[in-house]
Amino acid sequence: MKLTKKERNTLLALLAIPILLTALMTFPKYESFNTTGDIVPVSDLGIDGNVYFTYIEGGITTNYLEKLVVHLTYLDTGKDVRFEPISSEYAEYAEEEIVDDFYKEMVVSNAIEVSGYSQEESTEQEEKYGRILELANEYQGDSFGLMVAIGLVEEETGEDFSKWGKYKIAGTGTMEFDGTVGSIDGIREKLLTAEEHGVTHFLLPKDKESYYEYYEGVSNQEEAEQYELLVNPDMQIVPVETLDEALAYLRSLP
């Protein structure tokens, strides 16, 4: 049977699809990607507080096909997806759930300690620790540490840093054992997420001086300064180095 030109072209196209997919999967391309997400009240973690942490969407791709799938996934959402090259070693390390769990457990433990939460009630501390981790299962990473600590201070002292809803306070950053705020990923997307959800004050790591001791690229503080003009000028961007600095700022709000 003789095929028409149109039928031959269709057949060739069908044969080319698996070849193309194989090629896209064969050539490695390691990248991380981020896009905007949502803000989450610390009350969703079982904390009687009035602040929020930012949760963005993201992940890691290891080849061109996976990157194409990510693009197609967000095609109809209107969201801007940002890709950044990473090493294969970092990709393997970051995808290990045990690593994510370790850092999450560490920042929650640090947040409870530095916030002064029930210092004389070790049993209560352990129960709070377990409850927060249980409710935080659906959120990846450890960047909610600062806001968890602030929420625990609210719960412990009875303060309301939102001034009964006058302000919408969100932020990001890890919480270290000494009360310092650690650097994180995705500052640009977190700023845009905060803006989309009407945040009035956004707290982030003040790491311009310390960042380059451990990381390459641009510090969280500098990246926030670069994108500050992209977000609502009425949203206050507040770099903080420690939990105490964050609390002093929040307590100073009129």
Protein backbone atom coordinates (compact mmCIF):
# COMPACT_ATOMS: atom_id res chain seq x y z
CA MET A 1 0.00 0.00 0.00
CA LYS A 2 1.37 3.37 -0.98
CA LEU A 3 1.12 6.11 1.60
CA THR A 4 0.18 9.62 0.72
CA LYS A 5 2.57 12.46 1.56
CA LYS A 6 0.34 13.54 4.44
CA GLU A 7 0.24 10.01 5.86
CA ARG A 8 4.04 9.67 5.59
CA ASN A 9 4.55 12.96 7.42
CA THR A 10 2.13 11.89 10.14
CA LEU A 11 3.92 8.54 10.54
CA LEU A 12 7.32 10.21 10.72
CA ALA A 13 6.02 12.63 13.33
CA LEU A 14 4.68 9.75 15.46
CA LEU A 15 8.00 7.91 15.17
CA ALA A 16 9.91 11.06 16.12
CA ILE A 17 7.99 11.60 19.38
CA PRO A 18 9.58 8.72 21.38
CA ILE A 19 12.99 9.61 19.95
CA LEU A 20 12.59 13.22 21.06
CA LEU A 21 11.36 12.22 24.51
CA THR A 22 14.29 9.84 24.93
CA ALA A 23 16.70 12.60 23.94
CA LEU A 24 15.11 15.03 26.40
CA MET A 25 15.46 12.46 29.18
CA THR A 26 18.99 11.42 28.25
CA PHE A 27 20.72 14.79 28.46
CA PRO A 28 20.94 15.90 32.11
CA LYS A 29 20.08 19.46 33.09
CA TYR A 30 19.95 20.10 36.82
CA GLU A 31 17.92 23.12 37.87
CA SER A 32 15.82 24.29 40.77
CA PHE A 33 12.60 26.18 40.11
CA ASN A 34 10.35 28.45 42.16
CA THR A 35 7.06 30.23 41.64
CA THR A 36 4.65 32.11 43.89
CA GLY A 37 2.50 30.26 46.41
CA ASP A 38 0.51 31.26 49.47
CA ILE A 39 0.80 32.67 52.96
CA VAL A 40 -0.06 30.35 55.83
CA PRO A 41 -1.13 31.44 59.34
CA VAL A 42 0.97 29.95 62.12
CA SER A 43 -2.34 28.91 63.68
CA ASP A 44 -2.40 26.18 61.01
CA LEU A 45 0.59 24.70 62.85
CA GLY A 46 -1.26 24.66 66.16
CA ILE A 47 0.24 27.95 67.38
CA ASP A 48 -1.94 30.62 68.97
CA GLY A 49 -0.36 33.46 66.99
CA ASN A 50 -1.41 36.04 64.43
CA VAL A 51 1.47 36.03 61.92
CA TYR A 52 2.02 34.16 58.67
CA PHE A 53 4.83 32.33 56.91
CA THR A 54 5.15 32.28 53.13
CA TYR A 55 4.97 29.02 51.24
CA ILE A 56 6.06 28.97 47.61
CA GLU A 57 5.89 26.22 45.01
CA GLY A 58 9.08 24.75 43.64
CA GLY A 59 11.27 21.74 43.13
CA ILE A 60 14.13 20.30 41.12
CA THR A 61 14.37 19.12 37.51
CA THR A 62 17.12 16.79 36.33
CA ASN A 63 16.63 16.86 32.54
CA TYR A 64 14.99 18.82 29.73
CA LEU A 65 11.82 16.70 29.76
CA GLU A 66 11.15 17.41 33.43
CA LYS A 67 11.71 21.12 32.78
CA LEU A 68 9.24 21.00 29.88
CA VAL A 69 6.66 19.30 32.10
CA VAL A 70 7.04 22.06 34.72
CA HIS A 71 6.53 24.73 32.06
CA LEU A 72 3.39 22.96 30.80
CA THR A 73 2.07 22.52 34.33
CA TYR A 74 2.13 26.26 35.02
CA LEU A 75 1.24 27.35 31.47
CA ASP A 76 -2.37 28.24 32.26
CA THR A 77 -1.79 29.61 35.76
CA GLY A 78 -0.21 32.90 34.73
CA LYS A 79 2.60 32.27 37.19
CA ASP A 80 6.18 33.13 36.34
CA VAL A 81 8.47 30.13 36.95
CA ARG A 82 12.11 30.91 37.67
CA PHE A 83 14.79 28.29 37.00
CA GLU A 84 18.34 28.36 38.36
CA PRO A 85 21.19 25.94 37.54
CA ILE A 86 22.37 23.64 40.33
CA SER A 87 24.91 20.84 40.57
CA SER A 88 23.94 17.19 40.34
CA GLU A 89 25.31 16.69 43.87
CA TYR A 90 23.06 19.41 45.25
CA ALA A 91 20.07 17.95 43.39
CA GLU A 92 20.60 14.53 44.93
CA TYR A 93 21.14 16.06 48.37
CA ALA A 94 18.08 18.32 48.22
CA GLU A 95 15.73 15.54 47.10
CA GLU A 96 16.46 13.38 50.13
CA GLU A 97 13.43 13.60 52.41
CA ILE A 98 15.55 12.73 55.42
CA VAL A 99 17.52 15.94 54.90
CA ASP A 100 14.34 18.04 54.70
CA ASP A 101 12.98 16.39 57.86
CA PHE A 102 16.24 16.96 59.74
CA TYR A 103 16.34 20.71 59.10
CA LYS A 104 12.62 21.10 59.74
CA GLU A 105 12.94 19.35 63.10
CA MET A 106 15.96 21.48 63.97
CA VAL A 107 14.32 24.87 63.27
CA VAL A 108 11.16 23.92 65.17
CA SER A 109 13.26 22.86 68.15
CA ASN A 110 15.27 26.08 67.94
CA ALA A 111 12.10 28.20 67.62
CA ILE A 112 10.62 26.65 70.78
CA GLU A 113 13.83 27.20 72.74
CA VAL A 114 14.61 30.78 71.71
CA SER A 115 10.99 31.93 72.03
CA GLY A 116 11.03 31.01 75.72
CA TYR A 117 8.01 28.78 75.25
CA SER A 118 7.17 27.15 78.61
CA GLN A 119 10.81 26.89 79.65
CA GLU A 120 9.97 25.16 82.89
CA GLU A 121 7.53 22.71 81.31
CA SER A 122 9.61 20.23 79.29
CA THR A 123 6.60 17.96 78.70
CA GLU A 124 4.63 20.86 77.27
CA GLN A 125 7.58 21.75 75.04
CA GLU A 126 7.74 18.20 73.70
CA GLU A 127 4.01 18.14 73.00
CA LYS A 128 4.17 21.46 71.17
CA TYR A 129 7.21 20.28 69.19
CA GLY A 130 5.44 17.11 68.07
CA ARG A 131 2.22 18.95 67.23
CA ILE A 132 3.97 21.56 65.05
CA LEU A 133 5.93 18.92 63.14
CA GLU A 134 2.81 16.83 62.58
CA LEU A 135 0.90 19.80 61.12
CA ALA A 136 3.94 20.96 59.10
CA ASN A 137 4.19 17.69 57.14
CA GLU A 138 2.66 19.22 54.01
CA TYR A 139 5.19 22.07 53.91
CA GLN A 140 8.71 21.48 52.63
CA GLY A 141 11.79 23.15 53.96
CA ASP A 142 12.73 24.99 57.13
CA SER A 143 12.13 28.61 56.15
CA PHE A 144 9.16 29.02 58.49
CA GLY A 145 11.38 28.98 61.59
CA LEU A 146 11.36 32.74 62.25
CA MET A 147 7.59 33.06 62.02
CA VAL A 148 7.04 29.94 64.15
CA ALA A 149 9.20 31.53 66.86
CA ILE A 150 7.28 34.83 66.63
CA GLY A 151 3.96 32.98 66.82
CA LEU A 152 5.14 31.08 69.90
CA VAL A 153 6.10 34.38 71.57
CA GLU A 154 2.56 35.65 70.87
CA GLU A 155 1.11 32.48 72.38
CA GLU A 156 3.34 32.67 75.44
CA THR A 157 2.93 36.39 76.16
CA GLY A 158 -0.60 37.01 74.89
CA GLU A 159 0.63 39.72 72.51
CA ASP A 160 -0.97 40.32 69.13
CA PHE A 161 1.58 41.75 66.73
CA SER A 162 -1.13 42.28 64.10
CA LYS A 163 -2.69 44.80 66.51
CA TRP A 164 -6.01 42.94 66.27
CA GLY A 165 -5.96 42.72 62.52
CA LYS A 166 -4.63 46.18 61.71
CA TYR A 167 -1.48 44.68 60.17
CA LYS A 168 -0.89 41.54 58.14
CA ILE A 169 2.56 40.31 59.11
CA ALA A 170 4.39 37.57 57.24
CA GLY A 171 7.99 36.56 56.76
CA THR A 172 10.59 33.93 56.09
CA GLY A 173 13.90 32.71 57.46
CA THR A 174 15.25 29.79 59.45
CA MET A 175 15.69 29.99 63.20
CA GLU A 176 19.12 29.07 64.55
CA PHE A 177 19.94 27.82 68.05
CA ASP A 178 21.27 31.25 69.10
CA GLY A 179 18.24 33.18 67.87
CA THR A 180 19.75 34.39 64.60
CA VAL A 181 17.69 34.31 61.40
CA GLY A 182 19.18 32.09 58.69
CA SER A 183 19.14 32.56 54.91
CA ILE A 184 16.69 30.71 52.66
CA ASP A 185 15.77 30.25 48.98
CA GLY A 186 13.13 31.95 46.86
CA ILE A 187 13.08 35.46 48.33
CA ARG A 188 11.75 37.00 45.11
CA GLU A 189 8.81 34.59 44.91
CA LYS A 190 8.06 35.01 48.61
CA LEU A 191 7.96 38.78 48.30
CA LEU A 192 5.58 38.55 45.34
CA THR A 193 3.45 36.00 47.21
CA ALA A 194 3.23 38.32 50.19
CA GLU A 195 2.20 41.21 47.97
CA GLU A 196 -0.49 39.11 46.27
CA HIS A 197 -2.02 38.35 49.67
CA GLY A 198 -2.06 41.86 51.12
CA VAL A 199 0.83 41.57 53.56
CA THR A 200 1.70 44.91 55.18
CA HIS A 201 5.01 43.94 56.84
CA PHE A 202 7.36 41.26 55.53
CA LEU A 203 10.28 40.05 57.65
CA LEU A 204 13.33 38.37 56.09
CA PRO A 205 16.96 37.57 56.95
CA LYS A 206 19.36 40.48 57.35
CA ASP A 207 22.25 38.52 55.87
CA LYS A 208 24.21 40.95 53.69
CA GLU A 209 27.25 40.61 55.95
CA SER A 210 27.11 36.89 56.76
CA TYR A 211 25.74 35.25 53.61
CA TYR A 212 29.01 34.92 51.69
CA GLU A 213 30.68 32.91 54.46
CA TYR A 214 28.51 29.93 53.50
CA TYR A 215 26.84 30.51 50.13
CA GLU A 216 27.42 31.79 46.62
CA GLY A 217 25.18 34.15 44.67
CA VAL A 218 23.14 37.02 46.08
CA SER A 219 22.17 37.31 49.73
CA ASN A 220 18.50 37.32 50.76
CA GLN A 221 18.75 40.94 51.86
CA GLU A 222 20.33 42.10 48.60
CA GLU A 223 17.85 40.13 46.48
CA ALA A 224 14.99 41.73 48.40
CA GLU A 225 16.48 45.15 47.72
CA GLN A 226 16.66 44.32 43.99
CA TYR A 227 12.98 43.37 43.82
CA GLU A 228 11.66 45.91 46.31
CA LEU A 229 10.36 48.18 43.54
CA LEU A 230 8.41 45.30 41.99
CA VAL A 231 6.14 44.89 44.98
CA ASN A 232 3.58 47.16 46.60
CA PRO A 233 5.44 50.17 48.05
CA ASP A 234 3.00 50.09 50.97
CA MET A 235 4.39 46.70 52.04
CA GLN A 236 7.24 47.24 54.48
CA ILE A 237 10.22 44.95 53.82
CA VAL A 238 12.01 44.41 57.13
CA PRO A 239 15.42 42.63 57.27
CA VAL A 240 16.11 41.24 60.76
CA GLU A 241 19.24 39.54 62.06
CA THR A 242 17.77 37.95 65.19
CA LEU A 243 14.46 37.02 66.76
CA ASP A 244 14.97 39.78 69.32
CA GLU A 245 15.38 42.33 66.52
CA ALA A 246 12.18 41.10 64.89
CA LEU A 247 10.26 41.31 68.18
CA ALA A 248 11.57 44.82 68.88
CA TYR A 249 10.37 45.96 65.47
CA LEU A 250 6.94 44.37 65.84
CA ARG A 251 6.48 45.83 69.32
CA SER A 252 7.32 49.28 67.97
CA LEU A 253 4.44 49.27 65.49
CA PRO A 254 1.83 51.86 66.45
